[in-house]
C-alpha atoms as a PDB file:
ATOM      1  CA  UNK A   1       9.415 144.883 -36.845  1.00  0.00           C
ATOM      2  CA  UNK A   2      10.363 148.580 -37.279  1.00  0.00           C
ATOM      3  CA  UNK A   3      13.703 149.326 -35.121  1.00  0.00           C
ATOM      4  CA  UNK A   4      14.382 152.662 -33.508  1.00  0.00           C
ATOM      5  CA  UNK A   5      17.728 153.398 -31.697  1.00  0.00           C
ATOM      6  CA  UNK A   6      18.147 149.680 -31.115  1.00  0.00           C
ATOM      7  CA  UNK A   7      14.816 148.506 -29.999  1.00  0.00           C
ATOM      8  CA  UNK A   8      11.908 147.227 -31.420  1.00  0.00           C
ATOM      9  CA  UNK A   9       9.573 150.475 -32.226  1.00  0.00           C
ATOM     10  CA  UNK A  10       6.705 149.584 -30.399  1.00  0.00           C
ATOM     11  CA  UNK A  11       9.035 149.550 -26.619  1.00  0.00           C
ATOM     12  CA  UNK A  12      10.709 152.976 -27.871  1.00  0.00           C
ATOM     13  CA  UNK A  13       7.273 153.888 -28.049  1.00  0.00           C
ATOM     14  CA  UNK A  14       6.098 153.372 -25.144  1.00  0.00           C
ATOM     15  CA  UNK A  15       8.799 154.319 -22.982  1.00  0.00           C
ATOM     16  CA  UNK A  16       9.360 157.651 -24.471  1.00  0.00           C
ATOM     17  CA  UNK A  17       5.188 157.901 -23.373  1.00  0.00           C
ATOM     18  CA  UNK A  18       5.902 156.830 -19.859  1.00  0.00           C
ATOM     19  CA  UNK A  19       9.086 159.957 -19.855  1.00  0.00           C
ATOM     20  CA  UNK A  20       6.538 162.135 -20.990  1.00  0.00           C
ATOM     21  CA  UNK A  21       4.163 160.947 -18.263  1.00  0.00           C
ATOM     22  CA  UNK A  22       6.502 162.026 -15.482  1.00  0.00           C
ATOM     23  CA  UNK A  23       6.363 165.711 -17.308  1.00  0.00           C
ATOM     24  CA  UNK A  24       5.246 168.034 -14.102  1.00  0.00           C
ATOM     25  CA  UNK A  25       3.102 169.990 -17.119  1.00  0.00           C
ATOM     26  CA  UNK A  26       1.891 166.373 -18.623  1.00  0.00           C
ATOM     27  CA  UNK A  27      -2.026 166.388 -16.986  1.00  0.00           C
ATOM     28  CA  UNK A  28      -2.570 169.718 -17.565  1.00  0.00           C
ATOM     29  CA  UNK A  29      -1.430 170.270 -21.633  1.00  0.00           C
ATOM     30  CA  UNK A  30      -3.506 166.637 -22.122  1.00  0.00           C
ATOM     31  CA  UNK A  31      -6.502 168.437 -20.172  1.00  0.00           C
ATOM     32  CA  UNK A  32      -6.336 171.358 -22.765  1.00  0.00           C
ATOM     33  CA  UNK A  33      -6.589 168.758 -25.282  1.00  0.00           C
ATOM     34  CA  UNK A  34      -9.221 165.940 -24.687  1.00  0.00           C
ATOM     35  CA  UNK A  35      -9.483 165.032 -28.568  1.00  0.00           C
ATOM     36  CA  UNK A  36      -5.533 164.380 -28.664  1.00  0.00           C
ATOM     37  CA  UNK A  37      -4.578 160.468 -27.622  1.00  0.00           C
ATOM     38  CA  UNK A  38      -1.659 160.750 -26.056  1.00  0.00           C
ATOM     39  CA  UNK A  39      -0.939 157.364 -27.273  1.00  0.00           C
ATOM     40  CA  UNK A  40      -0.868 158.372 -30.888  1.00  0.00           C
ATOM     41  CA  UNK A  41       1.927 161.179 -30.563  1.00  0.00           C
ATOM     42  CA  UNK A  42       5.467 160.242 -31.253  1.00  0.00           C
ATOM     43  CA  UNK A  43       7.325 161.191 -28.088  1.00  0.00           C
ATOM     44  CA  UNK A  44      10.666 161.481 -27.463  1.00  0.00           C
ATOM     45  CA  UNK A  45      12.595 159.972 -24.598  1.00  0.00           C
ATOM     46  CA  UNK A  46      13.687 163.642 -23.542  1.00  0.00           C
ATOM     47  CA  UNK A  47       9.890 164.758 -23.067  1.00  0.00           C
ATOM     48  CA  UNK A  48       9.869 164.733 -19.045  1.00  0.00           C
ATOM     49  CA  UNK A  49      11.983 168.009 -19.614  1.00  0.00           C
ATOM     50  CA  UNK A  50      10.115 170.238 -21.927  1.00  0.00           C
ATOM     51  CA  UNK A  51       8.854 173.140 -20.753  1.00  0.00           C
ATOM     52  CA  UNK A  52       4.963 174.175 -20.653  1.00  0.00           C
ATOM     53  CA  UNK A  53       5.481 176.069 -23.797  1.00  0.00           C
ATOM     54  CA  UNK A  54       7.397 173.327 -24.993  1.00  0.00           C
ATOM     55  CA  UNK A  55       4.903 170.505 -24.413  1.00  0.00           C
ATOM     56  CA  UNK A  56       1.777 172.009 -25.570  1.00  0.00           C
ATOM     57  CA  UNK A  57       2.970 173.620 -28.766  1.00  0.00           C
ATOM     58  CA  UNK A  58       4.071 169.942 -29.598  1.00  0.00           C
ATOM     59  CA  UNK A  59       0.027 168.498 -28.218  1.00  0.00           C
ATOM     60  CA  UNK A  60      -1.346 170.812 -29.862  1.00  0.00           C
ATOM     61  CA  UNK A  61       0.633 170.596 -32.953  1.00  0.00           C
ATOM     62  CA  UNK A  62      -0.854 166.833 -32.972  1.00  0.00           C
ATOM     63  CA  UNK A  63       3.080 165.618 -32.110  1.00  0.00           C
ATOM     64  CA  UNK A  64       3.439 167.534 -35.934  1.00  0.00           C
ATOM     65  CA  UNK A  65       6.218 170.832 -33.727  1.00  0.00           C
ATOM     66  CA  UNK A  66       8.660 169.213 -31.722  1.00  0.00           C
ATOM     67  CA  UNK A  67      11.328 171.015 -29.200  1.00  0.00           C
ATOM     68  CA  UNK A  68      15.100 171.042 -30.172  1.00  0.00           C
ATOM     69  CA  UNK A  69      16.833 168.519 -28.717  1.00  0.00           C
ATOM     70  CA  UNK A  70      18.942 170.148 -25.623  1.00  0.00           C
ATOM     71  CA  UNK A  71      21.859 170.041 -25.632  1.00  0.00           C
ATOM     72  CA  UNK A  72      23.625 168.076 -22.590  1.00  0.00           C
ATOM     73  CA  UNK A  73      25.244 170.488 -19.750  1.00  0.00           C
ATOM     74  CA  UNK A  74      29.143 170.387 -19.939  1.00  0.00           C
ATOM     75  CA  UNK A  75      30.422 170.052 -16.638  1.00  0.00           C
ATOM     76  CA  UNK A  76      33.656 172.956 -16.740  1.00  0.00           C
ATOM     77  CA  UNK A  77      36.819 171.423 -16.755  1.00  0.00           C
ATOM     78  CA  UNK A  78      38.851 170.691 -13.807  1.00  0.00           C
ATOM     79  CA  UNK A  79      41.939 172.918 -12.452  1.00  0.00           C
END
């Protein structure tokens, strides 16, 4: 069994794909690529936050081109 981020790979891959399906652009982008099986792509858990363009490039490249990881917003220091 492969382990990815402390979870069995199949479990973490399933969680990542569920995250991708929450993306508001998921259905429209996937409809552009009817021959691409979403389960065959190596989704990241942050896929629900990707823009339409980021998702399109990822799916269109069969998962080869991934968006850069976005840094978490840092709250301003309290004074």
